[in-house]
Amino acid sequence: MEVKNKQIKNILNILSQFLQGKEEALRLSLITFFSNGHLLIEDLPGLGKTTLAVGLARITGLSFGRIQATSDLLPSDIIGVSVYNKQTEKFEFHKGPIFNNVVLVDEINRATPKTQSALLEAMGEKQVTVEGETYKLPRPFFVIATQNPVEQFGTFPLPESQMDRFMMKISIGYPSREAEKEILTGGSKREELYSIQPVMDRNEVIRIQQEIDEVYISEKIVDYILDIAEATRKSKYFSAGLSIRGTLAVAKTAKTSAYFNGRDYVIPEDIKSLLPYTVPHRVILHEVYENTDHREIVLSVLESIPVPA
């Protein structure tokens, strides 16, 4: 679906120079970002995940933080720590990398469950609590987490509660032959990435997010979303269907899709085109179906739901 909103189209055009042939992954990432959600990228190393995160922060004029997840990473390495100041004779809180607008959590499934849980409050409530004191995170706040789908040694699978906090799950994939040839002949553009000039600022990002909230969603569209949720909850394939957070994600991303395309109302296509990225990672298959293609089962169930006229 072509993006018609001029501001968003400008961002896509600039960032696509650094992610050749990955316009769809870039579009989905921007939809998640402007929907005020979080993104999980499951893909192999070296396909542009860091480029995507850095580029998004640079072009929107936002702060960027990176967390490299390892088995010895501690919650305090993410949130921050209180340090005693001898001069003031008081403990001072030193903020961790989570206190940035755009936060890349690389290989999130390499962190232990205890450390992964440190992200739950931050992603869900946009705040963190340290020693009984609550600190608000900056606005906007966007987490891009990555995980390797192949390598399983030394990894800790994300629990359902963590997965449900990601508005979308996508993969970037290999570039086309022509795009990769252009990369090989033109060389790395990583240094150019850090010199990108912002095309909007923090206030402009927040304004767009607020405008997206005002996009109209009709009762028929709401019923369509509820039909989707009900289908996953009653299906024989799933032991757990779509959560309320999941239905909110479906609605919010549909609004953003409509906004990207210059509309102030949602149509069924806005929802249907994003279902492969907003639903499959949230539902849980019964054990008997564990060896089948998870995503294909989910999409086959969703295809059976009548689309409103």
C-alpha atoms as a PDB file:
ATOM      1  CA  MET A   1       0.000   0.000   0.000  1.00  0.00           C
ATOM      2  CA  GLU A   2       1.516   3.298  -1.111  1.00  0.00           C
ATOM      3  CA  VAL A   3       2.168   5.932   1.533  1.00  0.00           C
ATOM      4  CA  LYS A   4       0.537   9.253   0.618  1.00  0.00           C
ATOM      5  CA  ASN A   5       1.250  11.350   3.709  1.00  0.00           C
ATOM      6  CA  LYS A   6       4.024  13.750   2.626  1.00  0.00           C
ATOM      7  CA  GLN A   7       5.963  13.833   5.898  1.00  0.00           C
ATOM      8  CA  ILE A   8       6.022  10.058   6.273  1.00  0.00           C
ATOM      9  CA  LYS A   9       6.855   9.611   2.583  1.00  0.00           C
ATOM     10  CA  ASN A  10       9.840  11.927   3.030  1.00  0.00           C
ATOM     11  CA  ILE A  11      11.152   9.805   5.916  1.00  0.00           C
ATOM     12  CA  LEU A  12      10.688   6.618   3.881  1.00  0.00           C
ATOM     13  CA  ASN A  13      12.525   8.070   0.892  1.00  0.00           C
ATOM     14  CA  ILE A  14      15.527   9.125   2.988  1.00  0.00           C
ATOM     15  CA  LEU A  15      15.853   5.952   5.080  1.00  0.00           C
ATOM     16  CA  SER A  16      15.316   3.644   2.083  1.00  0.00           C
ATOM     17  CA  GLN A  17      18.698   4.862   0.804  1.00  0.00           C
ATOM     18  CA  PHE A  18      20.288   3.028   3.742  1.00  0.00           C
ATOM     19  CA  LEU A  19      17.968  -0.007   3.640  1.00  0.00           C
ATOM     20  CA  GLN A  20      17.882  -0.775  -0.069  1.00  0.00           C
ATOM     21  CA  GLY A  21      14.999  -3.002  -1.074  1.00  0.00           C
ATOM     22  CA  LYS A  22      13.520  -3.030   2.437  1.00  0.00           C
ATOM     23  CA  GLU A  23      10.778  -0.440   2.004  1.00  0.00           C
ATOM     24  CA  GLU A  24       8.064  -2.738   3.409  1.00  0.00           C
ATOM     25  CA  ALA A  25      10.006  -3.504   6.606  1.00  0.00           C
ATOM     26  CA  LEU A  26      10.708   0.209   6.934  1.00  0.00           C
ATOM     27  CA  ARG A  27       7.032   1.084   6.463  1.00  0.00           C
ATOM     28  CA  LEU A  28       5.962  -1.441   9.109  1.00  0.00           C
ATOM     29  CA  SER A  29       8.568  -0.078  11.514  1.00  0.00           C
ATOM     30  CA  LEU A  30       7.292   3.471  11.042  1.00  0.00           C
ATOM     31  CA  ILE A  31       3.701   2.337  11.553  1.00  0.00           C
ATOM     32  CA  THR A  32       4.723   0.764  14.859  1.00  0.00           C
ATOM     33  CA  PHE A  33       6.701   3.847  15.877  1.00  0.00           C
ATOM     34  CA  PHE A  34       3.925   6.344  15.148  1.00  0.00           C
ATOM     35  CA  SER A  35       1.389   3.981  16.757  1.00  0.00           C
ATOM     36  CA  ASN A  36       3.303   4.508  20.005  1.00  0.00           C
ATOM     37  CA  GLY A  37       4.131   0.793  20.188  1.00  0.00           C
ATOM     38  CA  HIS A  38       7.228  -1.420  20.235  1.00  0.00           C
ATOM     39  CA  LEU A  39       8.781  -3.594  17.531  1.00  0.00           C
ATOM     40  CA  LEU A  40      10.298  -7.088  17.596  1.00  0.00           C
ATOM     41  CA  ILE A  41      12.527  -8.009  14.652  1.00  0.00           C
ATOM     42  CA  GLU A  42      13.307 -11.713  14.312  1.00  0.00           C
ATOM     43  CA  ASP A  43      16.051 -12.058  11.753  1.00  0.00           C
ATOM     44  CA  LEU A  44      19.613 -13.128  11.066  1.00  0.00           C
ATOM     45  CA  PRO A  45      22.523 -10.842  11.994  1.00  0.00           C
ATOM     46  CA  GLY A  46      23.814  -8.261   9.535  1.00  0.00           C
ATOM     47  CA  LEU A  47      20.597  -7.440   7.700  1.00  0.00           C
ATOM     48  CA  GLY A  48      20.156  -3.825   8.791  1.00  0.00           C
ATOM     49  CA  LYS A  49      18.421  -3.905  12.183  1.00  0.00           C
ATOM     50  CA  THR A  50      20.844  -1.441  13.777  1.00  0.00           C
ATOM     51  CA  THR A  51      20.740   0.768  10.691  1.00  0.00           C
ATOM     52  CA  LEU A  52      16.949   0.901  10.984  1.00  0.00           C
ATOM     53  CA  ALA A  53      17.033   1.908  14.660  1.00  0.00           C
ATOM     54  CA  VAL A  54      19.772   4.528  14.314  1.00  0.00           C
ATOM     55  CA  GLY A  55      18.240   5.982  11.148  1.00  0.00           C
ATOM     56  CA  LEU A  56      14.824   6.358  12.756  1.00  0.00           C
ATOM     57  CA  ALA A  57      16.301   8.172  15.756  1.00  0.00           C
ATOM     58  CA  ARG A  58      18.423  10.481  13.595  1.00  0.00           C
ATOM     59  CA  ILE A  59      15.704  11.478  11.162  1.00  0.00           C
ATOM     60  CA  THR A  60      13.235  12.311  13.936  1.00  0.00           C
ATOM     61  CA  GLY A  61      15.798  14.162  16.045  1.00  0.00           C
ATOM     62  CA  LEU A  62      15.348  11.788  18.979  1.00  0.00           C
ATOM     63  CA  SER A  63      17.841  10.333  21.450  1.00  0.00           C
ATOM     64  CA  PHE A  64      19.117   6.800  20.843  1.00  0.00           C
ATOM     65  CA  GLY A  65      20.263   4.108  23.269  1.00  0.00           C
ATOM     66  CA  ARG A  66      21.549   0.600  22.643  1.00  0.00           C
ATOM     67  CA  ILE A  67      21.484  -2.420  24.938  1.00  0.00           C
ATOM     68  CA  GLN A  68      23.464  -5.502  23.917  1.00  0.00           C
ATOM     69  CA  ALA A  69      21.735  -8.378  25.666  1.00  0.00           C
ATOM     70  CA  THR A  70      23.980 -11.077  27.146  1.00  0.00           C
ATOM     71  CA  SER A  71      23.472 -13.751  29.776  1.00  0.00           C
ATOM     72  CA  ASP A  72      25.240 -11.626  32.401  1.00  0.00           C
ATOM     73  CA  LEU A  73      23.273  -8.440  31.672  1.00  0.00           C
ATOM     74  CA  LEU A  74      21.611  -7.134  34.843  1.00  0.00           C
ATOM     75  CA  PRO A  75      18.359  -5.148  35.219  1.00  0.00           C
ATOM     76  CA  SER A  76      20.422  -2.241  36.571  1.00  0.00           C
ATOM     77  CA  ASP A  77      22.400  -2.221  33.291  1.00  0.00           C
ATOM     78  CA  ILE A  78      19.125  -1.348  31.550  1.00  0.00           C
ATOM     79  CA  ILE A  79      17.294   0.836  34.055  1.00  0.00           C
ATOM     80  CA  GLY A  80      20.139   2.479  35.938  1.00  0.00           C
ATOM     81  CA  VAL A  81      21.542   2.401  39.447  1.00  0.00           C
ATOM     82  CA  SER A  82      21.622   4.553  42.587  1.00  0.00           C
ATOM     83  CA  VAL A  83      25.137   5.661  43.554  1.00  0.00           C
ATOM     84  CA  TYR A  84      26.076   7.203  46.889  1.00  0.00           C
ATOM     85  CA  ASN A  85      27.485  10.727  46.593  1.00  0.00           C
ATOM     86  CA  LYS A  86      29.929  11.445  49.418  1.00  0.00           C
ATOM     87  CA  GLN A  87      29.692  15.200  48.936  1.00  0.00           C
ATOM     88  CA  THR A  88      25.912  15.429  49.250  1.00  0.00           C
ATOM     89  CA  GLU A  89      25.675  12.333  51.477  1.00  0.00           C
ATOM     90  CA  LYS A  90      22.759  11.148  49.374  1.00  0.00           C
ATOM     91  CA  PHE A  91      22.081   8.439  46.820  1.00  0.00           C
ATOM     92  CA  GLU A  92      21.811   9.740  43.263  1.00  0.00           C
ATOM     93  CA  PHE A  93      20.076   7.835  40.518  1.00  0.00           C
ATOM     94  CA  HIS A  94      22.161   7.400  37.360  1.00  0.00           C
ATOM     95  CA  LYS A  95      19.843   6.672  34.447  1.00  0.00           C
ATOM     96  CA  GLY A  96      20.465   3.659  32.209  1.00  0.00           C
ATOM     97  CA  PRO A  97      20.097   3.426  28.404  1.00  0.00           C
ATOM     98  CA  ILE A  98      16.344   2.799  28.725  1.00  0.00           C
ATOM     99  CA  PHE A  99      15.996   6.569  29.268  1.00  0.00           C
ATOM    100  CA  ASN A 100      16.147   7.338  25.548  1.00  0.00           C
ATOM    101  CA  ASN A 101      13.454   7.918  22.957  1.00  0.00           C
ATOM    102  CA  VAL A 102      14.554   5.078  20.663  1.00  0.00           C
ATOM    103  CA  VAL A 103      16.089   2.044  22.383  1.00  0.00           C
ATOM    104  CA  LEU A 104      17.608  -0.892  20.499  1.00  0.00           C
ATOM    105  CA  VAL A 105      17.725  -4.121  22.537  1.00  0.00           C
ATOM    106  CA  ASP A 106      19.945  -6.376  20.461  1.00  0.00           C
ATOM    107  CA  GLU A 107      19.467 -10.162  20.804  1.00  0.00           C
ATOM    108  CA  ILE A 108      16.913  -9.735  23.585  1.00  0.00           C
ATOM    109  CA  ASN A 109      16.520 -13.489  24.028  1.00  0.00           C
ATOM    110  CA  ARG A 110      20.120 -13.749  25.232  1.00  0.00           C
ATOM    111  CA  ALA A 111      19.164 -11.885  28.413  1.00  0.00           C
ATOM    112  CA  THR A 112      17.945 -13.900  31.401  1.00  0.00           C
ATOM    113  CA  PRO A 113      14.224 -13.852  32.325  1.00  0.00           C
ATOM    114  CA  LYS A 114      14.985 -11.585  35.306  1.00  0.00           C
ATOM    115  CA  THR A 115      16.625  -9.029  33.030  1.00  0.00           C
ATOM    116  CA  GLN A 116      13.918  -9.371  30.379  1.00  0.00           C
ATOM    117  CA  SER A 117      11.337  -8.572  33.067  1.00  0.00           C
ATOM    118  CA  ALA A 118      13.056  -5.224  33.643  1.00  0.00           C
ATOM    119  CA  LEU A 119      11.680  -4.194  30.263  1.00  0.00           C
ATOM    120  CA  LEU A 120       8.067  -5.141  31.069  1.00  0.00           C
ATOM    121  CA  GLU A 121       7.169  -2.058  33.115  1.00  0.00           C
ATOM    122  CA  ALA A 122       9.117   0.215  30.783  1.00  0.00           C
ATOM    123  CA  MET A 123       7.343  -1.060  27.664  1.00  0.00           C
ATOM    124  CA  GLY A 124       3.899  -1.337  29.207  1.00  0.00           C
ATOM    125  CA  GLU A 125       3.751   1.691  31.497  1.00  0.00           C
ATOM    126  CA  LYS A 126       6.411   3.988  29.952  1.00  0.00           C
ATOM    127  CA  GLN A 127       8.031   4.256  33.370  1.00  0.00           C
ATOM    128  CA  VAL A 128      10.464   2.402  35.640  1.00  0.00           C
ATOM    129  CA  THR A 129      10.551   1.960  39.402  1.00  0.00           C
ATOM    130  CA  VAL A 130      13.833   1.903  41.301  1.00  0.00           C
ATOM    131  CA  GLU A 131      13.985   1.486  45.082  1.00  0.00           C
ATOM    132  CA  GLY A 132      10.356   2.508  45.444  1.00  0.00           C
ATOM    133  CA  GLU A 133      10.650   5.636  43.292  1.00  0.00           C
ATOM    134  CA  THR A 134       9.020   5.883  39.889  1.00  0.00           C
ATOM    135  CA  TYR A 135      10.707   7.622  36.947  1.00  0.00           C
ATOM    136  CA  LYS A 136       8.802   8.532  33.786  1.00  0.00           C
ATOM    137  CA  LEU A 137      10.467   7.631  30.505  1.00  0.00           C
ATOM    138  CA  PRO A 138      10.861  10.256  27.756  1.00  0.00           C
ATOM    139  CA  ARG A 139       8.182  10.757  25.130  1.00  0.00           C
ATOM    140  CA  PRO A 140       8.032   9.312  22.588  1.00  0.00           C
ATOM    141  CA  PHE A 141       9.421   5.981  23.792  1.00  0.00           C
ATOM    142  CA  PHE A 142      10.082   3.222  21.250  1.00  0.00           C
ATOM    143  CA  VAL A 143      11.792  -0.132  21.817  1.00  0.00           C
ATOM    144  CA  ILE A 144      13.200  -2.089  18.870  1.00  0.00           C
ATOM    145  CA  ALA A 145      14.220  -5.554  20.052  1.00  0.00           C
ATOM    146  CA  THR A 146      15.932  -8.174  17.897  1.00  0.00           C
ATOM    147  CA  GLN A 147      16.381 -11.902  18.185  1.00  0.00           C
ATOM    148  CA  ASN A 148      18.094 -14.544  16.067  1.00  0.00           C
ATOM    149  CA  PRO A 149      15.580 -17.190  14.855  1.00  0.00           C
ATOM    150  CA  VAL A 150      18.249 -19.838  14.191  1.00  0.00           C
ATOM    151  CA  GLU A 151      20.737 -19.834  17.047  1.00  0.00           C
ATOM    152  CA  GLN A 152      19.185 -21.290  20.203  1.00  0.00           C
ATOM    153  CA  PHE A 153      22.237 -22.069  22.341  1.00  0.00           C
ATOM    154  CA  GLY A 154      22.434 -19.738  25.323  1.00  0.00           C
ATOM    155  CA  THR A 155      19.064 -18.104  24.677  1.00  0.00           C
ATOM    156  CA  PHE A 156      15.981 -17.616  26.855  1.00  0.00           C
ATOM    157  CA  PRO A 157      12.677 -17.562  24.901  1.00  0.00           C
ATOM    158  CA  LEU A 158      10.552 -14.498  25.562  1.00  0.00           C
ATOM    159  CA  PRO A 159       7.528 -15.197  27.798  1.00  0.00           C
ATOM    160  CA  GLU A 160       4.025 -14.557  26.453  1.00  0.00           C
ATOM    161  CA  SER A 161       3.656 -11.417  28.587  1.00  0.00           C
ATOM    162  CA  GLN A 162       6.764  -9.948  26.955  1.00  0.00           C
ATOM    163  CA  MET A 163       5.757 -10.953  23.415  1.00  0.00           C
ATOM    164  CA  ASP A 164       2.349  -9.347  23.889  1.00  0.00           C
ATOM    165  CA  ARG A 165       4.000  -5.996  24.587  1.00  0.00           C
ATOM    166  CA  PHE A 166       5.408  -5.859  21.063  1.00  0.00           C
ATOM    167  CA  MET A 167       2.904  -4.203  18.766  1.00  0.00           C
ATOM    168  CA  MET A 168       4.419  -5.903  15.718  1.00  0.00           C
ATOM    169  CA  LYS A 169       6.822  -8.704  14.954  1.00  0.00           C
ATOM    170  CA  ILE A 170       8.564  -8.506  11.580  1.00  0.00           C
ATOM    171  CA  SER A 171      11.653  -9.672   9.729  1.00  0.00           C
ATOM    172  CA  ILE A 172      13.812  -7.587   7.397  1.00  0.00           C
ATOM    173  CA  GLY A 173      15.076 -10.441   5.238  1.00  0.00           C
ATOM    174  CA  TYR A 174      17.862 -10.579   2.671  1.00  0.00           C
ATOM    175  CA  PRO A 175      18.034  -7.762   0.110  1.00  0.00           C
ATOM    176  CA  SER A 176      17.313  -8.491  -3.544  1.00  0.00           C
ATOM    177  CA  ARG A 177      20.266  -9.329  -5.796  1.00  0.00           C
ATOM    178  CA  GLU A 178      20.190  -5.865  -7.365  1.00  0.00           C
ATOM    179  CA  ALA A 179      19.986  -4.127  -3.986  1.00  0.00           C
ATOM    180  CA  GLU A 180      22.868  -6.202  -2.612  1.00  0.00           C
ATOM    181  CA  LYS A 181      24.911  -5.472  -5.741  1.00  0.00           C
ATOM    182  CA  GLU A 182      24.372  -1.761  -5.151  1.00  0.00           C
ATOM    183  CA  ILE A 183      25.521  -2.187  -1.547  1.00  0.00           C
ATOM    184  CA  LEU A 184      28.666  -4.054  -2.640  1.00  0.00           C
ATOM    185  CA  THR A 185      29.605  -1.559  -5.333  1.00  0.00           C
ATOM    186  CA  GLY A 186      28.675   1.554  -3.366  1.00  0.00           C
ATOM    187  CA  GLY A 187      30.213   0.498  -0.055  1.00  0.00           C
ATOM    188  CA  SER A 188      28.889   0.969   3.445  1.00  0.00           C
ATOM    189  CA  LYS A 189      26.795   4.049   4.172  1.00  0.00           C
ATOM    190  CA  ARG A 190      26.981   3.702   7.968  1.00  0.00           C
ATOM    191  CA  GLU A 191      28.998   6.922   8.397  1.00  0.00           C
ATOM    192  CA  GLU A 192      26.492   8.819   6.258  1.00  0.00           C
ATOM    193  CA  LEU A 193      23.720   7.456   8.470  1.00  0.00           C
ATOM    194  CA  TYR A 194      25.006   9.410  11.468  1.00  0.00           C
ATOM    195  CA  SER A 195      25.037  12.635   9.459  1.00  0.00           C
ATOM    196  CA  ILE A 196      21.329  12.476   8.562  1.00  0.00           C
ATOM    197  CA  GLN A 197      19.603  15.766   9.318  1.00  0.00           C
ATOM    198  CA  PRO A 198      16.268  15.501  11.181  1.00  0.00           C
ATOM    199  CA  VAL A 199      13.161  16.220   9.115  1.00  0.00           C
ATOM    200  CA  MET A 200      11.034  16.610  12.255  1.00  0.00           C
ATOM    201  CA  ASP A 201      11.539  16.997  15.981  1.00  0.00           C
ATOM    202  CA  ARG A 202      10.134  15.448  19.144  1.00  0.00           C
ATOM    203  CA  ASN A 203       7.129  17.794  19.269  1.00  0.00           C
ATOM    204  CA  GLU A 204       6.269  17.031  15.650  1.00  0.00           C
ATOM    205  CA  VAL A 205       6.408  13.282  16.335  1.00  0.00           C
ATOM    206  CA  ILE A 206       4.068  13.662  19.309  1.00  0.00           C
ATOM    207  CA  ARG A 207       1.721  15.850  17.241  1.00  0.00           C
ATOM    208  CA  ILE A 208       1.479  13.180  14.529  1.00  0.00           C
ATOM    209  CA  GLN A 209       0.813  10.497  17.155  1.00  0.00           C
ATOM    210  CA  GLN A 210      -2.001  12.633  18.563  1.00  0.00           C
ATOM    211  CA  GLU A 211      -3.473  13.159  15.086  1.00  0.00           C
ATOM    212  CA  ILE A 212      -3.436   9.401  14.542  1.00  0.00           C
ATOM    213  CA  ASP A 213      -5.466   8.977  17.751  1.00  0.00           C
ATOM    214  CA  GLU A 214      -8.183  11.115  16.128  1.00  0.00           C
ATOM    215  CA  VAL A 215      -8.533   8.873  13.047  1.00  0.00           C
ATOM    216  CA  TYR A 216     -12.113   7.574  12.895  1.00  0.00           C
ATOM    217  CA  ILE A 217     -12.829   3.875  13.316  1.00  0.00           C
ATOM    218  CA  SER A 218     -16.432   2.826  12.639  1.00  0.00           C
ATOM    219  CA  GLU A 219     -18.523   0.364  14.607  1.00  0.00           C
ATOM    220  CA  LYS A 220     -18.348  -2.132  11.717  1.00  0.00           C
ATOM    221  CA  ILE A 221     -14.556  -2.030  11.825  1.00  0.00           C
ATOM    222  CA  VAL A 222     -14.591  -2.478  15.610  1.00  0.00           C
ATOM    223  CA  ASP A 223     -16.865  -5.509  15.198  1.00  0.00           C
ATOM    224  CA  TYR A 224     -14.426  -6.890  12.600  1.00  0.00           C
ATOM    225  CA  ILE A 225     -11.572  -6.618  15.116  1.00  0.00           C
ATOM    226  CA  LEU A 226     -13.711  -8.337  17.770  1.00  0.00           C
ATOM    227  CA  ASP A 227     -14.542 -11.116  15.272  1.00  0.00           C
ATOM    228  CA  ILE A 228     -10.800 -11.616  14.764  1.00  0.00           C
ATOM    229  CA  ALA A 229     -10.203 -11.825  18.508  1.00  0.00           C
ATOM    230  CA  GLU A 230     -13.127 -14.212  19.015  1.00  0.00           C
ATOM    231  CA  ALA A 231     -11.914 -16.480  16.201  1.00  0.00           C
ATOM    232  CA  THR A 232      -8.494 -16.871  17.837  1.00  0.00           C
ATOM    233  CA  ARG A 233     -10.014 -17.459  21.275  1.00  0.00           C
ATOM    234  CA  LYS A 234     -12.451 -20.148  20.097  1.00  0.00           C
ATOM    235  CA  SER A 235     -10.244 -21.874  17.519  1.00  0.00           C
ATOM    236  CA  LYS A 236      -9.265 -25.485  18.182  1.00  0.00           C
ATOM    237  CA  TYR A 237      -5.693 -24.622  17.189  1.00  0.00           C
ATOM    238  CA  PHE A 238      -4.979 -22.142  19.995  1.00  0.00           C
ATOM    239  CA  SER A 239      -4.666 -22.579  23.738  1.00  0.00           C
ATOM    240  CA  ALA A 240      -4.584 -18.779  24.140  1.00  0.00           C
ATOM    241  CA  GLY A 241      -6.065 -16.283  21.711  1.00  0.00           C
ATOM    242  CA  LEU A 242      -5.684 -12.579  21.122  1.00  0.00           C
ATOM    243  CA  SER A 243      -5.479 -10.465  24.288  1.00  0.00           C
ATOM    244  CA  ILE A 244      -7.170  -7.106  24.863  1.00  0.00           C
ATOM    245  CA  ARG A 245      -3.752  -5.508  24.351  1.00  0.00           C
ATOM    246  CA  GLY A 246      -3.690  -7.340  21.020  1.00  0.00           C
ATOM    247  CA  THR A 247      -7.049  -5.949  19.860  1.00  0.00           C
ATOM    248  CA  LEU A 248      -5.877  -2.452  20.818  1.00  0.00           C
ATOM    249  CA  ALA A 249      -2.716  -3.000  18.749  1.00  0.00           C
ATOM    250  CA  VAL A 250      -4.772  -4.095  15.729  1.00  0.00           C
ATOM    251  CA  ALA A 251      -6.950  -0.978  16.003  1.00  0.00           C
ATOM    252  CA  LYS A 252      -4.084   1.447  16.611  1.00  0.00           C
ATOM    253  CA  THR A 253      -1.926   0.212  13.726  1.00  0.00           C
ATOM    254  CA  ALA A 254      -4.964   0.352  11.430  1.00  0.00           C
ATOM    255  CA  LYS A 255      -5.430   4.019  12.348  1.00  0.00           C
ATOM    256  CA  THR A 256      -1.777   4.706  11.588  1.00  0.00           C
ATOM    257  CA  SER A 257      -2.042   2.898   8.250  1.00  0.00           C
ATOM    258  CA  ALA A 258      -5.023   5.083   7.345  1.00  0.00           C
ATOM    259  CA  TYR A 259      -3.093   8.219   8.355  1.00  0.00           C
ATOM    260  CA  PHE A 260      -0.099   7.182   6.252  1.00  0.00           C
ATOM    261  CA  ASN A 261      -2.432   6.923   3.288  1.00  0.00           C
ATOM    262  CA  GLY A 262      -3.964  10.339   3.772  1.00  0.00           C
ATOM    263  CA  ARG A 263      -7.282   9.182   5.244  1.00  0.00           C
ATOM    264  CA  ASP A 264      -8.970  10.179   8.488  1.00  0.00           C
ATOM    265  CA  TYR A 265     -10.927   6.912   8.694  1.00  0.00           C
ATOM    266  CA  VAL A 266     -10.039   3.202   8.817  1.00  0.00           C
ATOM    267  CA  ILE A 267     -10.982   0.718   6.101  1.00  0.00           C
ATOM    268  CA  PRO A 268     -10.830  -3.112   6.387  1.00  0.00           C
ATOM    269  CA  GLU A 269      -7.689  -3.217   4.221  1.00  0.00           C
ATOM    270  CA  ASP A 270      -5.815  -1.227   6.895  1.00  0.00           C
ATOM    271  CA  ILE A 271      -6.453  -4.059   9.334  1.00  0.00           C
ATOM    272  CA  LYS A 272      -6.124  -7.018   6.993  1.00  0.00           C
ATOM    273  CA  SER A 273      -2.763  -5.926   5.550  1.00  0.00           C
ATOM    274  CA  LEU A 274      -1.215  -5.704   9.047  1.00  0.00           C
ATOM    275  CA  LEU A 275      -2.688  -8.852  10.629  1.00  0.00           C
ATOM    276  CA  PRO A 276       0.352 -11.015   9.670  1.00  0.00           C
ATOM    277  CA  TYR A 277       2.490  -8.731  11.847  1.00  0.00           C
ATOM    278  CA  THR A 278       0.155  -7.802  14.723  1.00  0.00           C
ATOM    279  CA  VAL A 279      -1.448 -11.157  15.612  1.00  0.00           C
ATOM    280  CA  PRO A 280       0.678 -14.342  15.118  1.00  0.00           C
ATOM    281  CA  HIS A 281       3.254 -13.643  17.864  1.00  0.00           C
ATOM    282  CA  ARG A 282       0.495 -13.099  20.449  1.00  0.00           C
ATOM    283  CA  VAL A 283      -1.409 -16.385  20.173  1.00  0.00           C
ATOM    284  CA  ILE A 284      -0.302 -19.754  21.551  1.00  0.00           C
ATOM    285  CA  LEU A 285      -0.791 -23.028  19.691  1.00  0.00           C
ATOM    286  CA  HIS A 286      -1.990 -26.206  21.393  1.00  0.00           C
ATOM    287  CA  GLU A 287       0.858 -28.678  21.925  1.00  0.00           C
ATOM    288  CA  VAL A 288      -0.473 -31.049  19.266  1.00  0.00           C
ATOM    289  CA  TYR A 289       0.084 -28.366  16.600  1.00  0.00           C
ATOM    290  CA  GLU A 290       3.500 -27.194  17.796  1.00  0.00           C
ATOM    291  CA  ASN A 291       5.344 -28.759  14.850  1.00  0.00           C
ATOM    292  CA  THR A 292       3.185 -27.061  12.235  1.00  0.00           C
ATOM    293  CA  ASP A 293       3.741 -23.615  10.732  1.00  0.00           C
ATOM    294  CA  HIS A 294       2.510 -21.257  13.440  1.00  0.00           C
ATOM    295  CA  ARG A 295       2.024 -18.240  11.190  1.00  0.00           C
ATOM    296  CA  GLU A 296       0.213 -20.171   8.461  1.00  0.00           C
ATOM    297  CA  ILE A 297      -2.333 -21.562  10.943  1.00  0.00           C
ATOM    298  CA  VAL A 298      -3.001 -18.099  12.348  1.00  0.00           C
ATOM    299  CA  LEU A 299      -3.459 -16.554   8.909  1.00  0.00           C
ATOM    300  CA  SER A 300      -5.716 -19.404   7.729  1.00  0.00           C
ATOM    301  CA  VAL A 301      -7.998 -18.811  10.720  1.00  0.00           C
ATOM    302  CA  LEU A 302      -8.061 -15.070  10.057  1.00  0.00           C
ATOM    303  CA  GLU A 303      -8.814 -15.576   6.356  1.00  0.00           C
ATOM    304  CA  SER A 304     -12.069 -17.311   7.298  1.00  0.00           C
ATOM    305  CA  ILE A 305     -13.439 -14.158   8.960  1.00  0.00           C
ATOM    306  CA  PRO A 306     -15.837 -12.171   6.748  1.00  0.00           C
ATOM    307  CA  VAL A 307     -14.513  -8.712   5.865  1.00  0.00           C
ATOM    308  CA  PRO A 308     -17.081  -5.925   6.332  1.00  0.00           C
ATOM    309  CA  ALA A 309     -18.263  -4.131   3.204  1.00  0.00           C
END
